[in-house]
Amino acid sequence: MKKILLAACLSAVGAAHAAPCQVSDVKVTSVSQYSSVSANATLSPITPPGLSVNAAACAGAFSGNDGFYPTTNLGYAGDGLLNGGQQVASGKVLFEGGAFISDQYPLQDLRGDGTANDPGWIMLGKYEGGGNSWAFSPSSIGGFDDIVLSTFFTATITGAGIGTWAFTPDATAAARAAKAIGDNWIDQFSIVFKAGNGFAVYNFNPALFGQPAQTPDDPIVNWSGTFDVSGTLINNGGKPAGISHISIWVRDPSGLTTTEIPEPASLALFGIGLVGLYAARRRKA
């Protein structure tokens, strides 16, 4: 119920271009994890067939583009749309105080100025078409251009507003990111779908699977799934709009408290949790 209320409240912010988003628009259908944090680690699936998990929350649809994009890109307050910055198209703040902030995922002092007002959202890049091909363009993080790789995100468009997505950081991503964000790794990610004259944002976090946030010492997890925003992002003719681009953001936690620090998230333990979730969903069905 809390997720539904959060989606409804966030969708009411700003001017919606079409119908309010639904968390069921975007799903996780597969999760994989590397065997270690080394460059030669192998990636293996850890979810059973038939997994289908809705987004934790969503926001939109909003009119216009999803800019502005961050400049420093270290999650500071006001630097980028999800960090409470003004939308370029409207001049409005669509995410006052930052997107998807909660008691579990609070504001932080990332800037080191003594004020915990930084949402922590970092834009990894944008997946968009050019000519007859689509590609992911990585963003710079804190001035470093070698942290995000062009292989971090892919999507397949199968219809107007419909397709599949995959968030696929490599095994050594956390080690590269340390020079920009310190000894942390992400605790949420959000996918922004832009189509027609509107966009919507969908949020995912480990709590969906009953898991803690990963630490830099844990093997990297990859996520993939489906999307159908055809009922949320509509063109001027009242029909589903074609996707123009997809952006992906991650949230940098400033550090885990002593009560939040988990044991290293082994592939086996994480997989058992997901299998248990799948079994519970099957029983309810």
C-alpha atoms as a PDB file:
ATOM      1  CA  MET A   1       0.000   0.000   0.000  1.00  0.00           C
ATOM      2  CA  LYS A   2       2.865   2.384   0.836  1.00  0.00           C
ATOM      3  CA  LYS A   3       4.375   1.836  -2.626  1.00  0.00           C
ATOM      4  CA  ILE A   4       1.047   2.632  -4.298  1.00  0.00           C
ATOM      5  CA  LEU A   5       0.636   5.811  -2.253  1.00  0.00           C
ATOM      6  CA  LEU A   6       4.211   6.885  -2.982  1.00  0.00           C
ATOM      7  CA  ALA A   7       3.708   6.382  -6.715  1.00  0.00           C
ATOM      8  CA  ALA A   8       0.468   8.360  -6.617  1.00  0.00           C
ATOM      9  CA  CYS A   9       1.994  11.234  -4.648  1.00  0.00           C
ATOM     10  CA  LEU A  10       5.056  11.476  -6.859  1.00  0.00           C
ATOM     11  CA  SER A  11       2.941  11.309 -10.002  1.00  0.00           C
ATOM     12  CA  ALA A  12       1.010  14.356  -8.851  1.00  0.00           C
ATOM     13  CA  VAL A  13       4.157  16.513  -8.786  1.00  0.00           C
ATOM     14  CA  GLY A  14       4.517  18.744 -11.827  1.00  0.00           C
ATOM     15  CA  ALA A  15       2.421  18.572 -14.975  1.00  0.00           C
ATOM     16  CA  ALA A  16       1.605  15.060 -16.103  1.00  0.00           C
ATOM     17  CA  HIS A  17       1.586  14.587 -19.858  1.00  0.00           C
ATOM     18  CA  ALA A  18      -0.479  11.383 -19.825  1.00  0.00           C
ATOM     19  CA  ALA A  19      -1.814   8.923 -17.296  1.00  0.00           C
ATOM     20  CA  PRO A  20      -0.071   8.521 -13.931  1.00  0.00           C
ATOM     21  CA  CYS A  21       2.640   5.886 -14.040  1.00  0.00           C
ATOM     22  CA  GLN A  22       2.114   2.455 -12.497  1.00  0.00           C
ATOM     23  CA  VAL A  23       4.849   0.463 -10.744  1.00  0.00           C
ATOM     24  CA  SER A  24       3.807  -2.473 -12.937  1.00  0.00           C
ATOM     25  CA  ASP A  25       4.928  -0.551 -16.057  1.00  0.00           C
ATOM     26  CA  VAL A  26       8.515  -1.697 -15.478  1.00  0.00           C
ATOM     27  CA  LYS A  27       9.529  -5.054 -14.023  1.00  0.00           C
ATOM     28  CA  VAL A  28      12.612  -7.023 -13.014  1.00  0.00           C
ATOM     29  CA  THR A  29      12.491 -10.503 -14.542  1.00  0.00           C
ATOM     30  CA  SER A  30      16.068 -11.686 -14.026  1.00  0.00           C
ATOM     31  CA  VAL A  31      18.965 -11.025 -11.649  1.00  0.00           C
ATOM     32  CA  SER A  32      22.555 -12.216 -12.120  1.00  0.00           C
ATOM     33  CA  GLN A  33      25.658 -11.844  -9.971  1.00  0.00           C
ATOM     34  CA  TYR A  34      29.395 -12.057 -10.594  1.00  0.00           C
ATOM     35  CA  SER A  35      31.407 -14.754  -8.846  1.00  0.00           C
ATOM     36  CA  SER A  36      33.845 -12.185  -7.405  1.00  0.00           C
ATOM     37  CA  VAL A  37      35.015  -8.589  -7.768  1.00  0.00           C
ATOM     38  CA  SER A  38      37.963  -9.509  -9.999  1.00  0.00           C
ATOM     39  CA  ALA A  39      38.212  -8.742 -13.699  1.00  0.00           C
ATOM     40  CA  ASN A  40      37.988 -12.440 -14.632  1.00  0.00           C
ATOM     41  CA  ALA A  41      34.818 -13.076 -12.598  1.00  0.00           C
ATOM     42  CA  THR A  42      31.991 -15.002 -14.220  1.00  0.00           C
ATOM     43  CA  LEU A  43      28.360 -13.879 -14.308  1.00  0.00           C
ATOM     44  CA  SER A  44      25.617 -16.354 -13.383  1.00  0.00           C
ATOM     45  CA  PRO A  45      21.832 -16.022 -13.046  1.00  0.00           C
ATOM     46  CA  ILE A  46      20.505 -16.282  -9.484  1.00  0.00           C
ATOM     47  CA  THR A  47      16.774 -16.092 -10.148  1.00  0.00           C
ATOM     48  CA  PRO A  48      14.320 -18.836 -11.096  1.00  0.00           C
ATOM     49  CA  PRO A  49      12.292 -18.749 -14.323  1.00  0.00           C
ATOM     50  CA  GLY A  50       9.116 -16.722 -14.173  1.00  0.00           C
ATOM     51  CA  LEU A  51      10.350 -13.968 -11.849  1.00  0.00           C
ATOM     52  CA  SER A  52       8.325 -10.755 -12.222  1.00  0.00           C
ATOM     53  CA  VAL A  53       8.853  -7.955  -9.696  1.00  0.00           C
ATOM     54  CA  ASN A  54       7.336  -4.486 -10.121  1.00  0.00           C
ATOM     55  CA  ALA A  55       9.270  -1.278  -9.540  1.00  0.00           C
ATOM     56  CA  ALA A  56       9.407  -0.105  -5.923  1.00  0.00           C
ATOM     57  CA  ALA A  57       7.969   3.294  -6.871  1.00  0.00           C
ATOM     58  CA  CYS A  58       7.469   5.558  -9.867  1.00  0.00           C
ATOM     59  CA  ALA A  59       7.041   9.236 -10.681  1.00  0.00           C
ATOM     60  CA  GLY A  60       5.308  10.868 -13.641  1.00  0.00           C
ATOM     61  CA  ALA A  61       4.317  11.204 -16.313  1.00  0.00           C
ATOM     62  CA  PHE A  62       5.798  14.685 -16.515  1.00  0.00           C
ATOM     63  CA  SER A  63       5.640  17.020 -19.525  1.00  0.00           C
ATOM     64  CA  GLY A  64       8.819  17.890 -21.385  1.00  0.00           C
ATOM     65  CA  ASN A  65      12.305  16.420 -21.299  1.00  0.00           C
ATOM     66  CA  ASP A  66      14.060  14.863 -18.288  1.00  0.00           C
ATOM     67  CA  GLY A  67      16.851  17.457 -18.222  1.00  0.00           C
ATOM     68  CA  PHE A  68      18.641  19.031 -16.603  1.00  0.00           C
ATOM     69  CA  TYR A  69      21.396  16.475 -16.327  1.00  0.00           C
ATOM     70  CA  PRO A  70      24.044  16.734 -13.579  1.00  0.00           C
ATOM     71  CA  THR A  71      27.321  18.589 -14.081  1.00  0.00           C
ATOM     72  CA  THR A  72      29.509  17.531 -11.141  1.00  0.00           C
ATOM     73  CA  ASN A  73      27.441  14.333 -11.005  1.00  0.00           C
ATOM     74  CA  LEU A  74      28.249  13.299  -7.448  1.00  0.00           C
ATOM     75  CA  GLY A  75      24.732  13.360  -6.044  1.00  0.00           C
ATOM     76  CA  TYR A  76      24.827  16.892  -4.621  1.00  0.00           C
ATOM     77  CA  ALA A  77      21.604  18.770  -3.866  1.00  0.00           C
ATOM     78  CA  GLY A  78      20.358  20.685  -6.910  1.00  0.00           C
ATOM     79  CA  ASP A  79      22.773  19.032  -9.357  1.00  0.00           C
ATOM     80  CA  GLY A  80      20.457  17.227 -11.754  1.00  0.00           C
ATOM     81  CA  LEU A  81      16.735  16.578 -11.934  1.00  0.00           C
ATOM     82  CA  LEU A  82      16.576  13.712  -9.414  1.00  0.00           C
ATOM     83  CA  ASN A  83      18.639  15.728  -6.927  1.00  0.00           C
ATOM     84  CA  GLY A  84      16.061  18.508  -6.757  1.00  0.00           C
ATOM     85  CA  GLY A  85      17.357  20.559  -9.680  1.00  0.00           C
ATOM     86  CA  GLN A  86      15.038  22.589 -11.893  1.00  0.00           C
ATOM     87  CA  GLN A  87      13.659  20.981 -15.036  1.00  0.00           C
ATOM     88  CA  VAL A  88      15.036  22.894 -18.012  1.00  0.00           C
ATOM     89  CA  ALA A  89      11.741  22.848 -19.930  1.00  0.00           C
ATOM     90  CA  SER A  90       9.550  24.272 -17.161  1.00  0.00           C
ATOM     91  CA  GLY A  91      11.922  25.789 -14.621  1.00  0.00           C
ATOM     92  CA  LYS A  92      10.107  23.766 -11.962  1.00  0.00           C
ATOM     93  CA  VAL A  93      11.583  21.518  -9.287  1.00  0.00           C
ATOM     94  CA  LEU A  94       9.863  18.183  -9.888  1.00  0.00           C
ATOM     95  CA  PHE A  95      11.630  16.349  -7.047  1.00  0.00           C
ATOM     96  CA  GLU A  96      11.739  18.692  -4.070  1.00  0.00           C
ATOM     97  CA  GLY A  97      14.437  17.399  -1.724  1.00  0.00           C
ATOM     98  CA  GLY A  98      15.399  14.641  -4.162  1.00  0.00           C
ATOM     99  CA  ALA A  99      13.705  11.634  -5.735  1.00  0.00           C
ATOM    100  CA  PHE A 100      12.717   8.515  -3.779  1.00  0.00           C
ATOM    101  CA  ILE A 101      14.124   9.740  -0.467  1.00  0.00           C
ATOM    102  CA  SER A 102      12.824   7.935   2.625  1.00  0.00           C
ATOM    103  CA  ASP A 103      13.811   6.920   6.148  1.00  0.00           C
ATOM    104  CA  GLN A 104      15.554   3.899   4.649  1.00  0.00           C
ATOM    105  CA  TYR A 105      17.232   5.981   1.924  1.00  0.00           C
ATOM    106  CA  PRO A 106      17.758   9.407   3.572  1.00  0.00           C
ATOM    107  CA  LEU A 107      19.415  12.651   2.545  1.00  0.00           C
ATOM    108  CA  GLN A 108      23.175  12.702   3.165  1.00  0.00           C
ATOM    109  CA  ASP A 109      26.148  15.021   3.507  1.00  0.00           C
ATOM    110  CA  LEU A 110      28.038  13.984   0.377  1.00  0.00           C
ATOM    111  CA  ARG A 111      29.507  17.444  -0.206  1.00  0.00           C
ATOM    112  CA  GLY A 112      31.101  17.472   3.243  1.00  0.00           C
ATOM    113  CA  ASP A 113      29.675  20.856   4.228  1.00  0.00           C
ATOM    114  CA  GLY A 114      28.043  19.653   7.434  1.00  0.00           C
ATOM    115  CA  THR A 115      24.506  19.642   5.999  1.00  0.00           C
ATOM    116  CA  ALA A 116      22.688  16.415   5.156  1.00  0.00           C
ATOM    117  CA  ASN A 117      20.773  17.670   2.118  1.00  0.00           C
ATOM    118  CA  ASP A 118      22.300  15.645  -0.729  1.00  0.00           C
ATOM    119  CA  PRO A 119      19.976  13.066  -2.360  1.00  0.00           C
ATOM    120  CA  GLY A 120      22.918  11.133  -3.830  1.00  0.00           C
ATOM    121  CA  TRP A 121      21.626  10.526  -7.370  1.00  0.00           C
ATOM    122  CA  ILE A 122      24.288  10.006 -10.050  1.00  0.00           C
ATOM    123  CA  MET A 123      23.391   9.771 -13.733  1.00  0.00           C
ATOM    124  CA  LEU A 124      25.208   6.879 -15.409  1.00  0.00           C
ATOM    125  CA  GLY A 125      24.191   7.790 -18.935  1.00  0.00           C
ATOM    126  CA  LYS A 126      21.573   7.747 -21.632  1.00  0.00           C
ATOM    127  CA  TYR A 127      20.491   5.079 -24.105  1.00  0.00           C
ATOM    128  CA  GLU A 128      19.216   6.631 -27.332  1.00  0.00           C
ATOM    129  CA  GLY A 129      18.922   6.120 -31.042  1.00  0.00           C
ATOM    130  CA  GLY A 130      20.970   7.744 -33.760  1.00  0.00           C
ATOM    131  CA  GLY A 131      20.160   6.867 -37.341  1.00  0.00           C
ATOM    132  CA  ASN A 132      19.278   3.193 -37.424  1.00  0.00           C
ATOM    133  CA  SER A 133      21.143   2.199 -34.268  1.00  0.00           C
ATOM    134  CA  TRP A 134      20.828   2.633 -30.507  1.00  0.00           C
ATOM    135  CA  ALA A 135      23.698   3.008 -28.055  1.00  0.00           C
ATOM    136  CA  PHE A 136      24.401   3.899 -24.440  1.00  0.00           C
ATOM    137  CA  SER A 137      26.369   7.109 -23.862  1.00  0.00           C
ATOM    138  CA  PRO A 138      28.159   7.018 -20.472  1.00  0.00           C
ATOM    139  CA  SER A 139      28.241  10.058 -18.187  1.00  0.00           C
ATOM    140  CA  SER A 140      31.299  11.459 -16.444  1.00  0.00           C
ATOM    141  CA  ILE A 141      31.235  11.066 -12.646  1.00  0.00           C
ATOM    142  CA  GLY A 142      33.105  13.678 -10.649  1.00  0.00           C
ATOM    143  CA  GLY A 143      35.239  14.451 -13.698  1.00  0.00           C
ATOM    144  CA  PHE A 144      36.169  10.810 -14.330  1.00  0.00           C
ATOM    145  CA  ASP A 145      35.214   9.451 -17.765  1.00  0.00           C
ATOM    146  CA  ASP A 146      36.402   5.876 -17.234  1.00  0.00           C
ATOM    147  CA  ILE A 147      34.016   4.721 -14.494  1.00  0.00           C
ATOM    148  CA  VAL A 148      30.892   4.067 -16.558  1.00  0.00           C
ATOM    149  CA  LEU A 149      31.287   1.808 -19.593  1.00  0.00           C
ATOM    150  CA  SER A 150      29.178   1.776 -22.742  1.00  0.00           C
ATOM    151  CA  THR A 151      28.087  -1.757 -21.796  1.00  0.00           C
ATOM    152  CA  PHE A 152      26.364  -0.653 -18.563  1.00  0.00           C
ATOM    153  CA  PHE A 153      22.878  -0.450 -20.071  1.00  0.00           C
ATOM    154  CA  THR A 154      21.043  -1.881 -23.065  1.00  0.00           C
ATOM    155  CA  ALA A 155      17.435  -2.042 -24.196  1.00  0.00           C
ATOM    156  CA  THR A 156      15.396  -3.607 -26.955  1.00  0.00           C
ATOM    157  CA  ILE A 157      12.415  -1.696 -28.338  1.00  0.00           C
ATOM    158  CA  THR A 158       9.705  -4.110 -29.479  1.00  0.00           C
ATOM    159  CA  GLY A 159       6.820  -1.656 -29.874  1.00  0.00           C
ATOM    160  CA  ALA A 160       5.686   1.878 -29.048  1.00  0.00           C
ATOM    161  CA  GLY A 161       6.696   2.230 -25.408  1.00  0.00           C
ATOM    162  CA  ILE A 162       7.317  -1.499 -25.039  1.00  0.00           C
ATOM    163  CA  GLY A 163      10.503  -3.544 -24.742  1.00  0.00           C
ATOM    164  CA  THR A 164      13.175  -5.038 -22.511  1.00  0.00           C
ATOM    165  CA  TRP A 165      16.006  -3.468 -20.514  1.00  0.00           C
ATOM    166  CA  ALA A 166      19.223  -4.598 -18.821  1.00  0.00           C
ATOM    167  CA  PHE A 167      21.418  -2.794 -16.274  1.00  0.00           C
ATOM    168  CA  THR A 168      24.768  -4.569 -16.549  1.00  0.00           C
ATOM    169  CA  PRO A 169      27.727  -3.035 -14.678  1.00  0.00           C
ATOM    170  CA  ASP A 170      30.913  -5.087 -14.941  1.00  0.00           C
ATOM    171  CA  ALA A 171      32.627  -6.941 -12.084  1.00  0.00           C
ATOM    172  CA  THR A 172      35.137  -4.172 -11.316  1.00  0.00           C
ATOM    173  CA  ALA A 173      32.738  -1.213 -11.509  1.00  0.00           C
ATOM    174  CA  ALA A 174      32.764  -0.545  -7.756  1.00  0.00           C
ATOM    175  CA  ALA A 175      36.570  -0.484  -7.679  1.00  0.00           C
ATOM    176  CA  ARG A 176      36.680   2.118 -10.471  1.00  0.00           C
ATOM    177  CA  ALA A 177      33.939   4.184  -8.841  1.00  0.00           C
ATOM    178  CA  ALA A 178      35.838   4.422  -5.544  1.00  0.00           C
ATOM    179  CA  LYS A 179      37.999   7.298  -6.788  1.00  0.00           C
ATOM    180  CA  ALA A 180      34.846   9.398  -7.243  1.00  0.00           C
ATOM    181  CA  ILE A 181      32.425   8.219  -4.549  1.00  0.00           C
ATOM    182  CA  GLY A 182      34.692   6.555  -1.997  1.00  0.00           C
ATOM    183  CA  ASP A 183      34.169   3.184  -0.368  1.00  0.00           C
ATOM    184  CA  ASN A 184      30.493   2.901  -1.311  1.00  0.00           C
ATOM    185  CA  TRP A 185      28.306   1.216  -3.874  1.00  0.00           C
ATOM    186  CA  ILE A 186      24.773   1.954  -5.011  1.00  0.00           C
ATOM    187  CA  ASP A 187      21.663   1.359  -2.903  1.00  0.00           C
ATOM    188  CA  GLN A 188      19.030   2.194  -5.561  1.00  0.00           C
ATOM    189  CA  PHE A 189      18.722   2.669  -9.292  1.00  0.00           C
ATOM    190  CA  SER A 190      16.112   4.505 -11.340  1.00  0.00           C
ATOM    191  CA  ILE A 191      15.254   4.234 -15.024  1.00  0.00           C
ATOM    192  CA  VAL A 192      13.818   7.234 -16.884  1.00  0.00           C
ATOM    193  CA  PHE A 193      11.767   6.606 -20.022  1.00  0.00           C
ATOM    194  CA  LYS A 194      11.295   9.569 -22.381  1.00  0.00           C
ATOM    195  CA  ALA A 195       8.678   9.258 -25.126  1.00  0.00           C
ATOM    196  CA  GLY A 196       6.704  11.876 -27.043  1.00  0.00           C
ATOM    197  CA  ASN A 197       6.485  15.016 -24.929  1.00  0.00           C
ATOM    198  CA  GLY A 198       6.755  13.320 -21.564  1.00  0.00           C
ATOM    199  CA  PHE A 199       8.784  11.095 -19.286  1.00  0.00           C
ATOM    200  CA  ALA A 200       8.345   8.840 -16.263  1.00  0.00           C
ATOM    201  CA  VAL A 201      10.808   7.526 -13.671  1.00  0.00           C
ATOM    202  CA  TYR A 202      10.839   4.008 -12.171  1.00  0.00           C
ATOM    203  CA  ASN A 203      12.776   3.143  -9.015  1.00  0.00           C
ATOM    204  CA  PHE A 204      14.291  -0.164  -7.862  1.00  0.00           C
ATOM    205  CA  ASN A 205      16.149  -1.136  -4.685  1.00  0.00           C
ATOM    206  CA  PRO A 206      17.416  -4.316  -2.965  1.00  0.00           C
ATOM    207  CA  ALA A 207      14.643  -4.079  -0.366  1.00  0.00           C
ATOM    208  CA  LEU A 208      12.271  -5.320  -3.085  1.00  0.00           C
ATOM    209  CA  PHE A 209      13.965  -8.687  -2.636  1.00  0.00           C
ATOM    210  CA  GLY A 210      14.434  -8.495   1.124  1.00  0.00           C
ATOM    211  CA  GLN A 211      18.152  -7.788   0.674  1.00  0.00           C
ATOM    212  CA  PRO A 212      20.458  -5.093   2.108  1.00  0.00           C
ATOM    213  CA  ALA A 213      22.362  -2.654  -0.076  1.00  0.00           C
ATOM    214  CA  GLN A 214      25.549  -4.070  -1.522  1.00  0.00           C
ATOM    215  CA  THR A 215      28.984  -2.963  -0.350  1.00  0.00           C
ATOM    216  CA  PRO A 216      32.027  -2.520  -2.650  1.00  0.00           C
ATOM    217  CA  ASP A 217      33.315  -5.889  -1.419  1.00  0.00           C
ATOM    218  CA  ASP A 218      30.249  -7.760  -2.656  1.00  0.00           C
ATOM    219  CA  PRO A 219      30.142  -9.210  -6.194  1.00  0.00           C
ATOM    220  CA  ILE A 220      28.299  -6.872  -8.559  1.00  0.00           C
ATOM    221  CA  VAL A 221      24.667  -7.655  -9.389  1.00  0.00           C
ATOM    222  CA  ASN A 222      23.092  -7.208 -12.847  1.00  0.00           C
ATOM    223  CA  TRP A 223      19.386  -6.610 -13.371  1.00  0.00           C
ATOM    224  CA  SER A 224      17.143  -7.037 -16.406  1.00  0.00           C
ATOM    225  CA  GLY A 225      13.456  -6.894 -17.142  1.00  0.00           C
ATOM    226  CA  THR A 226      10.620  -5.572 -19.247  1.00  0.00           C
ATOM    227  CA  PHE A 227       8.870  -2.256 -19.725  1.00  0.00           C
ATOM    228  CA  ASP A 228       5.481  -1.217 -21.051  1.00  0.00           C
ATOM    229  CA  VAL A 229       4.917   2.529 -20.718  1.00  0.00           C
ATOM    230  CA  SER A 230       2.419   2.589 -23.590  1.00  0.00           C
ATOM    231  CA  GLY A 231      -0.397   3.555 -21.227  1.00  0.00           C
ATOM    232  CA  THR A 232       1.652   6.210 -19.435  1.00  0.00           C
ATOM    233  CA  LEU A 233       3.490   8.082 -22.205  1.00  0.00           C
ATOM    234  CA  ILE A 234       1.036   9.115 -24.921  1.00  0.00           C
ATOM    235  CA  ASN A 235       1.615  11.186 -28.058  1.00  0.00           C
ATOM    236  CA  ASN A 236      -0.523  14.128 -29.167  1.00  0.00           C
ATOM    237  CA  GLY A 237      -2.730  11.765 -31.132  1.00  0.00           C
ATOM    238  CA  GLY A 238      -3.677   9.880 -27.995  1.00  0.00           C
ATOM    239  CA  LYS A 239      -1.651   6.808 -28.902  1.00  0.00           C
ATOM    240  CA  PRO A 240       1.447   5.275 -27.264  1.00  0.00           C
ATOM    241  CA  ALA A 241       4.523   7.388 -27.992  1.00  0.00           C
ATOM    242  CA  GLY A 242       7.751   5.894 -29.313  1.00  0.00           C
ATOM    243  CA  ILE A 243      10.736   5.855 -26.952  1.00  0.00           C
ATOM    244  CA  SER A 244      13.252   8.622 -27.712  1.00  0.00           C
ATOM    245  CA  HIS A 245      15.725   7.768 -24.958  1.00  0.00           C
ATOM    246  CA  ILE A 246      16.172   5.944 -21.658  1.00  0.00           C
ATOM    247  CA  SER A 247      18.339   7.359 -18.857  1.00  0.00           C
ATOM    248  CA  ILE A 248      19.661   5.442 -15.874  1.00  0.00           C
ATOM    249  CA  TRP A 249      20.565   6.873 -12.477  1.00  0.00           C
ATOM    250  CA  VAL A 250      21.995   5.255  -9.339  1.00  0.00           C
ATOM    251  CA  ARG A 251      22.066   6.478  -5.747  1.00  0.00           C
ATOM    252  CA  ASP A 252      25.339   6.706  -3.865  1.00  0.00           C
ATOM    253  CA  PRO A 253      24.905   6.030  -0.134  1.00  0.00           C
ATOM    254  CA  SER A 254      27.302   8.044   2.004  1.00  0.00           C
ATOM    255  CA  GLY A 255      28.028   4.940   4.077  1.00  0.00           C
ATOM    256  CA  LEU A 256      26.227   2.176   5.928  1.00  0.00           C
ATOM    257  CA  THR A 257      25.580   2.514   9.642  1.00  0.00           C
ATOM    258  CA  THR A 258      26.779  -0.210  12.002  1.00  0.00           C
ATOM    259  CA  THR A 259      23.277  -1.673  12.120  1.00  0.00           C
ATOM    260  CA  GLU A 260      23.060  -1.763   8.331  1.00  0.00           C
ATOM    261  CA  ILE A 261      26.408  -3.341   7.445  1.00  0.00           C
ATOM    262  CA  PRO A 262      25.642  -6.828   6.086  1.00  0.00           C
ATOM    263  CA  GLU A 263      27.874  -9.843   5.787  1.00  0.00           C
ATOM    264  CA  PRO A 264      29.365 -10.105   2.281  1.00  0.00           C
ATOM    265  CA  ALA A 265      26.449 -10.848  -0.037  1.00  0.00           C
ATOM    266  CA  SER A 266      27.455 -14.183  -1.491  1.00  0.00           C
ATOM    267  CA  LEU A 267      25.827 -15.433  -4.644  1.00  0.00           C
ATOM    268  CA  ALA A 268      24.267 -18.310  -2.721  1.00  0.00           C
ATOM    269  CA  LEU A 269      22.657 -16.192   0.001  1.00  0.00           C
ATOM    270  CA  PHE A 270      21.334 -13.605  -2.428  1.00  0.00           C
ATOM    271  CA  GLY A 271      20.002 -16.345  -4.681  1.00  0.00           C
ATOM    272  CA  ILE A 272      18.252 -18.106  -1.798  1.00  0.00           C
ATOM    273  CA  GLY A 273      16.477 -14.871  -0.919  1.00  0.00           C
ATOM    274  CA  LEU A 274      15.247 -14.418  -4.472  1.00  0.00           C
ATOM    275  CA  VAL A 275      14.148 -18.036  -4.766  1.00  0.00           C
ATOM    276  CA  GLY A 276      12.203 -17.631  -1.519  1.00  0.00           C
ATOM    277  CA  LEU A 277      10.515 -14.523  -2.879  1.00  0.00           C
ATOM    278  CA  TYR A 278       9.593 -16.350  -6.068  1.00  0.00           C
ATOM    279  CA  ALA A 279       8.157 -19.299  -4.119  1.00  0.00           C
ATOM    280  CA  ALA A 280       6.069 -16.996  -1.941  1.00  0.00           C
ATOM    281  CA  ARG A 281       4.658 -15.247  -5.002  1.00  0.00           C
ATOM    282  CA  ARG A 282       3.800 -18.604  -6.583  1.00  0.00           C
ATOM    283  CA  ARG A 283       1.936 -19.693  -3.444  1.00  0.00           C
ATOM    284  CA  LYS A 284      -0.107 -16.477  -3.401  1.00  0.00           C
ATOM    285  CA  ALA A 285      -0.992 -17.006  -7.069  1.00  0.00           C
END
